[in-house]
Amino acid sequence: METYAELLNKKEKDAMSNYDMDEIERQKERERKSRGIRSIEKVRSVVEIGKDETPQRVVDIEITDDDFRRVALQAHERDITINKMVGLIIKDGLGKVEHRFEHEPKPQLLKEY
């Protein structure tokens, strides 16, 4: 039976680097650079979380359980979070309110001359 220290020593021996292979890889990398080819390992996309999102404010709202379930179901169907769904609902509501102020509720008579 082996001790833990012996197992660690065995793993270290197995994990030792092959310096010849490392040198070959470095030579290949130098050749790629001289030809203008970028290494796949070094090409990484930079992803910025929240880059496309606008800054938001925290708002506490109180709604009934039934309304919350309806919002959660709609969010699930659209595969978005509940917070995003609530944001969409508020934006849609504000758009309707602005439309109401721009267009009077009274019908207008248009006359042709």
C-alpha atoms as a PDB file:
ATOM      1  CA  MET A   1       0.000   0.000   0.000  1.00  0.00           C
ATOM      2  CA  GLU A   2       1.315   3.458  -0.965  1.00  0.00           C
ATOM      3  CA  THR A   3       1.263   6.525   1.210  1.00  0.00           C
ATOM      4  CA  TYR A   4      -0.158   9.847   0.103  1.00  0.00           C
ATOM      5  CA  ALA A   5       3.349  11.333  -0.165  1.00  0.00           C
ATOM      6  CA  GLU A   6       4.420   8.505  -2.470  1.00  0.00           C
ATOM      7  CA  LEU A   7       1.372   9.066  -4.676  1.00  0.00           C
ATOM      8  CA  LEU A   8       2.184  12.784  -4.892  1.00  0.00           C
ATOM      9  CA  ASN A   9       5.780  12.069  -5.866  1.00  0.00           C
ATOM     10  CA  LYS A  10       4.602   9.638  -8.552  1.00  0.00           C
ATOM     11  CA  LYS A  11       2.188  12.282  -9.957  1.00  0.00           C
ATOM     12  CA  GLU A  12       4.972  14.885 -10.026  1.00  0.00           C
ATOM     13  CA  LYS A  13       7.208  12.537 -11.999  1.00  0.00           C
ATOM     14  CA  ASP A  14       4.384  11.813 -14.469  1.00  0.00           C
ATOM     15  CA  ALA A  15       3.609  15.523 -14.837  1.00  0.00           C
ATOM     16  CA  MET A  16       7.169  16.550 -15.639  1.00  0.00           C
ATOM     17  CA  SER A  17       7.471  18.633 -18.779  1.00  0.00           C
ATOM     18  CA  ASN A  18       9.132  17.422 -21.933  1.00  0.00           C
ATOM     19  CA  TYR A  19      11.541  20.270 -22.692  1.00  0.00           C
ATOM     20  CA  ASP A  20      12.201  19.101 -26.253  1.00  0.00           C
ATOM     21  CA  MET A  21       8.479  19.232 -27.081  1.00  0.00           C
ATOM     22  CA  ASP A  22       8.202  22.659 -25.459  1.00  0.00           C
ATOM     23  CA  GLU A  23      11.066  23.909 -27.629  1.00  0.00           C
ATOM     24  CA  ILE A  24       9.425  22.469 -30.757  1.00  0.00           C
ATOM     25  CA  GLU A  25       6.154  24.240 -29.877  1.00  0.00           C
ATOM     26  CA  ARG A  26       7.998  27.528 -29.316  1.00  0.00           C
ATOM     27  CA  GLN A  27       9.732  27.134 -32.699  1.00  0.00           C
ATOM     28  CA  LYS A  28       6.372  26.494 -34.401  1.00  0.00           C
ATOM     29  CA  GLU A  29       4.960  29.583 -32.714  1.00  0.00           C
ATOM     30  CA  ARG A  30       7.876  31.701 -33.949  1.00  0.00           C
ATOM     31  CA  GLU A  31       7.292  30.419 -37.499  1.00  0.00           C
ATOM     32  CA  ARG A  32       3.586  31.259 -37.285  1.00  0.00           C
ATOM     33  CA  LYS A  33       4.371  34.761 -36.070  1.00  0.00           C
ATOM     34  CA  SER A  34       6.869  35.308 -38.879  1.00  0.00           C
ATOM     35  CA  ARG A  35       4.152  34.365 -41.393  1.00  0.00           C
ATOM     36  CA  GLY A  36       1.601  36.601 -39.688  1.00  0.00           C
ATOM     37  CA  ILE A  37      -0.530  33.734 -38.363  1.00  0.00           C
ATOM     38  CA  ARG A  38      -1.899  34.282 -34.891  1.00  0.00           C
ATOM     39  CA  SER A  39      -1.985  31.410 -32.454  1.00  0.00           C
ATOM     40  CA  ILE A  40      -5.409  29.941 -31.715  1.00  0.00           C
ATOM     41  CA  GLU A  41      -4.590  29.791 -28.010  1.00  0.00           C
ATOM     42  CA  LYS A  42      -3.877  33.502 -27.870  1.00  0.00           C
ATOM     43  CA  VAL A  43      -6.942  34.564 -29.873  1.00  0.00           C
ATOM     44  CA  ARG A  44      -9.649  35.039 -27.293  1.00  0.00           C
ATOM     45  CA  SER A  45     -12.811  36.989 -27.603  1.00  0.00           C
ATOM     46  CA  VAL A  46     -13.369  39.664 -25.055  1.00  0.00           C
ATOM     47  CA  VAL A  47     -16.919  39.476 -23.761  1.00  0.00           C
ATOM     48  CA  GLU A  48     -18.183  42.354 -21.715  1.00  0.00           C
ATOM     49  CA  ILE A  49     -21.073  41.382 -19.506  1.00  0.00           C
ATOM     50  CA  GLY A  50     -23.907  43.882 -19.613  1.00  0.00           C
ATOM     51  CA  LYS A  51     -22.353  45.807 -22.517  1.00  0.00           C
ATOM     52  CA  ASP A  52     -25.615  46.105 -24.462  1.00  0.00           C
ATOM     53  CA  GLU A  53     -27.761  46.810 -21.445  1.00  0.00           C
ATOM     54  CA  THR A  54     -28.705  50.273 -20.318  1.00  0.00           C
ATOM     55  CA  PRO A  55     -28.196  51.286 -16.686  1.00  0.00           C
ATOM     56  CA  GLN A  56     -31.170  50.424 -14.538  1.00  0.00           C
ATOM     57  CA  ARG A  57     -32.663  51.510 -11.243  1.00  0.00           C
ATOM     58  CA  VAL A  58     -33.928  49.355  -8.415  1.00  0.00           C
ATOM     59  CA  VAL A  59     -37.669  49.618  -7.886  1.00  0.00           C
ATOM     60  CA  ASP A  60     -39.749  47.756  -5.326  1.00  0.00           C
ATOM     61  CA  ILE A  61     -43.186  46.770  -6.578  1.00  0.00           C
ATOM     62  CA  GLU A  62     -46.023  44.926  -4.943  1.00  0.00           C
ATOM     63  CA  ILE A  63     -48.208  42.760  -7.140  1.00  0.00           C
ATOM     64  CA  THR A  64     -50.589  39.925  -6.480  1.00  0.00           C
ATOM     65  CA  ASP A  65     -49.444  36.336  -6.691  1.00  0.00           C
ATOM     66  CA  ASP A  66     -51.629  35.807  -9.747  1.00  0.00           C
ATOM     67  CA  ASP A  67     -50.056  38.754 -11.595  1.00  0.00           C
ATOM     68  CA  PHE A  68     -46.584  37.552 -10.623  1.00  0.00           C
ATOM     69  CA  ARG A  69     -47.348  34.096 -12.022  1.00  0.00           C
ATOM     70  CA  ARG A  70     -48.539  35.646 -15.281  1.00  0.00           C
ATOM     71  CA  VAL A  71     -45.352  37.715 -15.562  1.00  0.00           C
ATOM     72  CA  ALA A  72     -43.199  34.695 -14.696  1.00  0.00           C
ATOM     73  CA  LEU A  73     -44.995  32.561 -17.293  1.00  0.00           C
ATOM     74  CA  GLN A  74     -44.498  35.207 -19.994  1.00  0.00           C
ATOM     75  CA  ALA A  75     -40.815  35.524 -19.045  1.00  0.00           C
ATOM     76  CA  HIS A  76     -40.433  31.746 -19.229  1.00  0.00           C
ATOM     77  CA  GLU A  77     -42.072  31.610 -22.662  1.00  0.00           C
ATOM     78  CA  ARG A  78     -39.680  34.295 -23.934  1.00  0.00           C
ATOM     79  CA  ASP A  79     -36.710  32.669 -22.167  1.00  0.00           C
ATOM     80  CA  ILE A  80     -35.772  35.840 -20.282  1.00  0.00           C
ATOM     81  CA  THR A  81     -35.552  36.735 -16.619  1.00  0.00           C
ATOM     82  CA  ILE A  82     -38.505  38.071 -14.667  1.00  0.00           C
ATOM     83  CA  ASN A  83     -36.659  41.360 -14.173  1.00  0.00           C
ATOM     84  CA  LYS A  84     -36.245  41.812 -17.929  1.00  0.00           C
ATOM     85  CA  MET A  85     -39.902  40.917 -18.463  1.00  0.00           C
ATOM     86  CA  VAL A  86     -41.013  43.519 -15.926  1.00  0.00           C
ATOM     87  CA  GLY A  87     -38.758  46.049 -17.655  1.00  0.00           C
ATOM     88  CA  LEU A  88     -40.373  45.237 -21.007  1.00  0.00           C
ATOM     89  CA  ILE A  89     -43.839  45.606 -19.509  1.00  0.00           C
ATOM     90  CA  ILE A  90     -42.963  49.002 -18.042  1.00  0.00           C
ATOM     91  CA  LYS A  91     -41.430  50.206 -21.337  1.00  0.00           C
ATOM     92  CA  ASP A  92     -44.493  49.049 -23.253  1.00  0.00           C
ATOM     93  CA  GLY A  93     -46.793  50.798 -20.781  1.00  0.00           C
ATOM     94  CA  LEU A  94     -44.793  54.022 -21.027  1.00  0.00           C
ATOM     95  CA  GLY A  95     -44.953  53.846 -24.815  1.00  0.00           C
ATOM     96  CA  LYS A  96     -48.733  53.555 -24.690  1.00  0.00           C
ATOM     97  CA  VAL A  97     -49.005  56.465 -22.266  1.00  0.00           C
ATOM     98  CA  GLU A  98     -46.828  58.661 -24.499  1.00  0.00           C
ATOM     99  CA  HIS A  99     -48.928  57.701 -27.515  1.00  0.00           C
ATOM    100  CA  ARG A 100     -52.064  58.752 -25.646  1.00  0.00           C
ATOM    101  CA  PHE A 101     -50.591  62.181 -24.859  1.00  0.00           C
ATOM    102  CA  GLU A 102     -49.441  62.693 -28.445  1.00  0.00           C
ATOM    103  CA  HIS A 103     -52.816  61.744 -29.893  1.00  0.00           C
ATOM    104  CA  GLU A 104     -55.852  63.286 -28.274  1.00  0.00           C
ATOM    105  CA  PRO A 105     -58.577  60.851 -27.266  1.00  0.00           C
ATOM    106  CA  LYS A 106     -61.205  62.982 -29.029  1.00  0.00           C
ATOM    107  CA  PRO A 107     -61.771  62.174 -32.673  1.00  0.00           C
ATOM    108  CA  GLN A 108     -60.968  65.011 -35.034  1.00  0.00           C
ATOM    109  CA  LEU A 109     -62.868  66.006 -38.116  1.00  0.00           C
ATOM    110  CA  LEU A 110     -60.642  66.499 -41.120  1.00  0.00           C
ATOM    111  CA  LYS A 111     -61.993  68.833 -43.793  1.00  0.00           C
ATOM    112  CA  GLU A 112     -60.861  68.981 -47.388  1.00  0.00           C
ATOM    113  CA  TYR A 113     -60.816  72.317 -49.156  1.00  0.00           C
END
